[in-house]
Amino acid sequence: MTKSKHQTYFEFIENTDKKKPLLFEITGSNQPPPGMKFIPIGNPELTERCKEISREEGALVYIVTTAKKDASELSQQIRRSGHHIREYIVDRAMAELGHDTYHEPETIGPDQIEKIPHTQAEINKQADAALRELFPRIPNTDRQQIVDHAFQKGKVFNGELVVGLQQALTLSRRVQLAVLAHIRHNHTRYDDLLRETSWTNARRATEQLCLDILVKWRGDDENGRNQLDEILRECSPTGLLERQGCR
């Protein structure tokens, strides 16, 4: 048996590019703890830079949710309104980005829901910023299609305003539901299946693909399945959101 003239070596290289885990806790309080600032959804560049610095320094970040105290973790995850971040980290991030201020949406009602802007230009700007923050890996074409379909004044579905203009829902909720509907109708066979089978079967058949795309666009696969399951339960044939454009 002839011996090979070549020798094989295995070299193990540490992946130094892997991000440190983000230390976070979930809170239902909009009031930031001492030494922290509340950064609402709609500040994608600032939030991302703050998270990067927080990772580097091992600083705790609070994810703020509008869910009730006894709500499940799933409900908390899909009702995010922003983050509590260390003041010095926010100041450093703003300085690095060259920002003097950050977006703070006007809120209305006892639930402090974000007020939908009056002009189409402001609605588009707000939706685009939230999409880029909540789904940082969404393709530009898909992001624009979602804004054009789900956030346009005057558009209705089944006699109701499209989901992106539902004042009773927070901005983050409207965006997440609009993204899921877009994926279902544009990246799966859902519409074809509706002509072949029941609503329930069509949803079930496309659920995994919806999840895969949703997780990919989020850039985070930790809670993709749970988040999608929660949204799907709320978008039932008899549910309020189904009548409000989460079709």
Protein backbone atom coordinates (compact mmCIF):
# COMPACT_ATOMS: atom_id res chain seq x y z
CA MET A 1 0.00 0.00 0.00
CA THR A 2 1.50 3.30 -1.06
CA LYS A 3 1.71 5.97 1.58
CA SER A 4 0.52 9.41 0.65
CA LYS A 5 3.17 12.08 0.29
CA HIS A 6 0.77 14.59 1.76
CA GLN A 7 -0.06 15.05 5.41
CA THR A 8 -3.30 16.55 6.64
CA TYR A 9 -3.30 19.13 9.41
CA PHE A 10 -6.31 20.57 11.25
CA GLU A 11 -6.05 24.12 12.50
CA PHE A 12 -8.62 25.40 14.98
CA ILE A 13 -9.17 29.13 14.74
CA GLU A 14 -11.20 31.05 17.28
CA ASN A 15 -14.07 33.00 15.78
CA THR A 16 -13.32 36.46 17.13
CA ASP A 17 -16.09 38.04 15.05
CA LYS A 18 -18.86 36.35 17.02
CA LYS A 19 -20.85 38.91 18.96
CA LYS A 20 -21.01 38.75 22.71
CA PRO A 21 -24.48 37.93 24.00
CA LEU A 22 -26.66 40.90 24.84
CA LEU A 23 -27.57 40.94 28.52
CA PHE A 24 -31.23 41.91 28.77
CA GLU A 25 -34.32 41.75 30.91
CA ILE A 26 -37.96 42.38 29.98
CA THR A 27 -39.93 45.07 31.79
CA GLY A 28 -43.42 46.49 31.54
CA SER A 29 -42.42 49.89 32.90
CA ASN A 30 -41.92 52.84 30.59
CA GLN A 31 -40.02 54.62 33.35
CA PRO A 32 -36.30 53.91 32.98
CA PRO A 33 -34.33 52.90 36.08
CA PRO A 34 -31.87 55.46 37.51
CA GLY A 35 -28.98 56.08 35.15
CA MET A 36 -30.86 54.82 32.08
CA LYS A 37 -32.78 56.35 29.15
CA PHE A 38 -35.81 55.06 27.28
CA ILE A 39 -35.22 54.74 23.53
CA PRO A 40 -38.53 54.05 21.70
CA ILE A 41 -38.96 51.89 18.61
CA GLY A 42 -38.22 53.97 15.53
CA ASN A 43 -34.53 54.70 16.20
CA PRO A 44 -32.83 51.83 14.33
CA GLU A 45 -29.31 53.23 14.04
CA LEU A 46 -29.18 54.52 17.60
CA THR A 47 -30.66 51.36 19.11
CA GLU A 48 -28.29 49.10 17.19
CA ARG A 49 -25.24 51.13 18.21
CA CYS A 50 -26.38 51.18 21.84
CA LYS A 51 -26.76 47.40 21.76
CA GLU A 52 -23.28 46.99 20.29
CA ILE A 53 -21.73 49.12 23.03
CA SER A 54 -23.78 47.34 25.69
CA ARG A 55 -22.49 44.00 24.40
CA GLU A 56 -18.92 45.23 24.49
CA GLU A 57 -19.22 46.41 28.08
CA GLY A 58 -21.53 43.70 29.38
CA ALA A 59 -24.13 46.32 30.29
CA LEU A 60 -27.72 45.27 30.94
CA VAL A 61 -30.44 46.43 28.52
CA TYR A 62 -34.15 46.40 29.36
CA ILE A 63 -36.62 45.48 26.61
CA VAL A 64 -39.78 47.48 27.30
CA THR A 65 -43.12 45.85 26.53
CA THR A 66 -46.71 47.04 26.70
CA ALA A 67 -47.87 43.56 27.73
CA LYS A 68 -49.52 43.09 31.11
CA LYS A 69 -47.48 41.78 34.02
CA ASP A 70 -49.08 38.34 33.89
CA ALA A 71 -48.72 38.04 30.11
CA SER A 72 -46.68 35.21 28.64
CA GLU A 73 -43.13 35.75 27.49
CA LEU A 74 -44.39 35.40 23.93
CA SER A 75 -46.80 38.29 24.33
CA GLN A 76 -44.05 40.40 25.86
CA GLN A 77 -41.80 39.72 22.90
CA ILE A 78 -44.30 40.95 20.29
CA ARG A 79 -45.38 44.05 22.17
CA ARG A 80 -42.07 45.82 22.42
CA SER A 81 -42.16 49.60 22.64
CA GLY A 82 -38.45 50.29 23.07
CA HIS A 83 -35.46 49.82 25.34
CA HIS A 84 -34.01 51.21 28.57
CA ILE A 85 -30.30 51.75 27.99
CA ARG A 86 -27.50 53.19 30.14
CA GLU A 87 -27.38 56.98 29.78
CA TYR A 88 -23.66 57.10 29.14
CA ILE A 89 -24.03 54.47 26.42
CA VAL A 90 -26.83 56.45 24.74
CA ASP A 91 -24.72 59.62 24.93
CA ARG A 92 -21.69 57.82 23.48
CA ALA A 93 -23.75 56.25 20.68
CA MET A 94 -25.36 59.58 19.76
CA ALA A 95 -21.96 61.26 19.67
CA GLU A 96 -20.53 58.53 17.45
CA LEU A 97 -23.52 58.77 15.10
CA GLY A 98 -23.50 62.56 15.12
CA HIS A 99 -27.05 62.77 16.49
CA ASP A 100 -28.26 65.63 18.68
CA THR A 101 -31.72 64.16 19.29
CA TYR A 102 -33.64 60.94 18.74
CA HIS A 103 -37.17 60.11 17.62
CA GLU A 104 -39.81 60.21 20.37
CA PRO A 105 -43.30 59.44 19.01
CA GLU A 106 -46.34 61.30 20.28
CA THR A 107 -48.55 58.98 22.32
CA ILE A 108 -52.29 59.07 22.97
CA GLY A 109 -54.82 57.33 25.19
CA PRO A 110 -54.44 55.48 28.50
CA ASP A 111 -52.27 52.82 26.87
CA GLN A 112 -49.87 55.45 25.52
CA ILE A 113 -50.11 54.11 21.96
CA GLU A 114 -48.04 55.88 19.35
CA LYS A 115 -50.07 58.42 17.42
CA ILE A 116 -50.13 57.80 13.68
CA PRO A 117 -48.75 60.88 11.85
CA HIS A 118 -51.10 62.96 9.70
CA THR A 119 -49.04 63.12 6.50
CA GLN A 120 -48.19 60.19 4.27
CA ALA A 121 -44.54 61.23 4.22
CA GLU A 122 -44.30 61.01 8.01
CA ILE A 123 -46.20 57.71 8.10
CA ASN A 124 -43.78 56.25 5.57
CA LYS A 125 -40.76 57.55 7.47
CA GLN A 126 -42.01 56.13 10.77
CA ALA A 127 -42.88 52.73 9.29
CA ASP A 128 -39.57 52.48 7.44
CA ALA A 129 -37.58 53.24 10.59
CA ALA A 130 -39.48 50.65 12.63
CA LEU A 131 -39.10 48.03 9.88
CA ARG A 132 -35.34 48.56 9.75
CA GLU A 133 -35.11 48.30 13.54
CA LEU A 134 -37.33 45.25 14.04
CA PHE A 135 -36.27 43.45 10.84
CA PRO A 136 -32.72 44.66 10.06
CA ARG A 137 -32.16 42.03 7.36
CA ILE A 138 -35.32 42.60 5.36
CA PRO A 139 -34.59 43.26 1.66
CA ASN A 140 -35.12 46.85 0.56
CA THR A 141 -37.70 45.83 -2.05
CA ASP A 142 -39.82 43.96 0.50
CA ARG A 143 -39.58 46.79 3.00
CA GLN A 144 -40.84 49.30 0.44
CA GLN A 145 -43.66 46.98 -0.65
CA ILE A 146 -44.83 46.64 2.95
CA VAL A 147 -44.86 50.40 3.43
CA ASP A 148 -46.74 50.89 0.15
CA HIS A 149 -49.35 48.25 0.95
CA ALA A 150 -49.95 48.31 4.70
CA PHE A 151 -49.28 51.95 5.62
CA GLN A 152 -50.97 53.93 2.85
CA LYS A 153 -53.76 56.33 3.81
CA GLY A 154 -57.10 55.46 2.27
CA LYS A 155 -56.38 51.76 1.81
CA VAL A 156 -58.88 49.34 3.32
CA PHE A 157 -59.33 45.58 3.63
CA ASN A 158 -62.77 44.06 4.20
CA GLY A 159 -64.10 47.52 4.95
CA GLU A 160 -61.46 48.24 7.61
CA LEU A 161 -58.26 50.25 7.49
CA VAL A 162 -55.20 48.17 6.64
CA VAL A 163 -53.24 46.89 9.63
CA GLY A 164 -50.53 49.54 9.36
CA LEU A 165 -53.08 52.29 10.08
CA GLN A 166 -54.86 50.67 13.03
CA GLN A 167 -54.56 53.29 15.77
CA ALA A 168 -55.39 50.77 18.51
CA LEU A 169 -52.15 48.89 17.82
CA THR A 170 -48.65 50.03 18.69
CA LEU A 171 -46.24 50.84 15.89
CA SER A 172 -44.16 47.73 16.56
CA ARG A 173 -47.28 45.52 16.50
CA ARG A 174 -48.53 47.07 13.26
CA VAL A 175 -45.15 46.57 11.64
CA GLN A 176 -44.76 42.96 12.76
CA LEU A 177 -48.24 41.97 11.62
CA ALA A 178 -47.74 43.73 8.28
CA VAL A 179 -44.46 41.89 7.72
CA LEU A 180 -46.02 38.50 8.43
CA ALA A 181 -48.92 39.20 6.05
CA HIS A 182 -46.46 40.31 3.35
CA ILE A 183 -44.40 37.14 3.73
CA ARG A 184 -47.45 34.93 3.60
CA HIS A 185 -48.89 36.50 0.43
CA ASN A 186 -45.67 37.17 -1.47
CA HIS A 187 -43.23 34.44 -0.48
CA THR A 188 -45.45 31.36 -0.05
CA ARG A 189 -48.22 29.53 -1.93
CA TYR A 190 -50.80 30.78 0.55
CA ASP A 191 -53.06 32.51 -2.01
CA ASP A 192 -53.04 29.45 -4.28
CA LEU A 193 -53.75 27.15 -1.35
CA LEU A 194 -56.79 29.20 -0.35
CA ARG A 195 -58.37 28.17 -3.65
CA GLU A 196 -57.58 24.52 -2.97
CA THR A 197 -58.15 24.02 0.74
CA SER A 198 -59.41 25.62 3.94
CA TRP A 199 -58.02 28.75 5.61
CA THR A 200 -56.66 26.65 8.47
CA ASN A 201 -54.88 24.19 6.18
CA ALA A 202 -53.42 26.99 4.07
CA ARG A 203 -52.02 28.68 7.18
CA ARG A 204 -50.62 25.41 8.50
CA ALA A 205 -48.99 24.51 5.17
CA THR A 206 -47.17 27.85 4.88
CA GLU A 207 -46.31 28.35 8.54
CA GLN A 208 -42.79 26.89 8.44
CA LEU A 209 -41.74 28.95 5.42
CA CYS A 210 -43.19 32.09 7.03
CA LEU A 211 -41.16 31.33 10.13
CA ASP A 212 -37.95 30.75 8.19
CA ILE A 213 -38.25 34.07 6.39
CA LEU A 214 -39.34 35.95 9.50
CA VAL A 215 -36.33 34.64 11.44
CA LYS A 216 -33.98 35.44 8.56
CA TRP A 217 -35.21 39.02 8.32
CA ARG A 218 -34.99 39.50 12.07
CA GLY A 219 -31.41 38.32 12.10
CA ASP A 220 -32.18 36.45 15.32
CA ASP A 221 -33.47 32.87 15.53
CA GLU A 222 -33.89 32.65 19.30
CA ASN A 223 -37.63 33.29 19.48
CA GLY A 224 -38.82 33.09 15.89
CA ARG A 225 -41.11 30.10 16.35
CA ASN A 226 -42.73 31.42 19.50
CA GLN A 227 -43.29 34.87 18.05
CA LEU A 228 -44.88 33.52 14.89
CA ASP A 229 -47.14 31.15 16.82
CA GLU A 230 -48.38 34.06 18.93
CA ILE A 231 -49.15 36.19 15.88
CA LEU A 232 -50.89 33.33 14.08
CA ARG A 233 -53.17 32.75 17.06
CA GLU A 234 -54.21 36.40 17.07
CA CYS A 235 -54.79 36.44 13.29
CA SER A 236 -57.66 33.96 13.45
CA PRO A 237 -60.68 34.06 11.09
CA THR A 238 -62.85 35.47 13.86
CA GLY A 239 -60.15 37.59 15.48
CA LEU A 240 -60.13 41.35 15.48
CA LEU A 241 -56.83 41.58 13.64
CA GLU A 242 -58.13 39.39 10.81
CA ARG A 243 -60.86 41.93 10.21
CA GLN A 244 -58.36 44.77 10.45
CA GLY A 245 -56.15 43.72 7.56
CA CYS A 246 -53.93 40.90 8.88
CA ARG A 247 -55.20 38.83 6.00
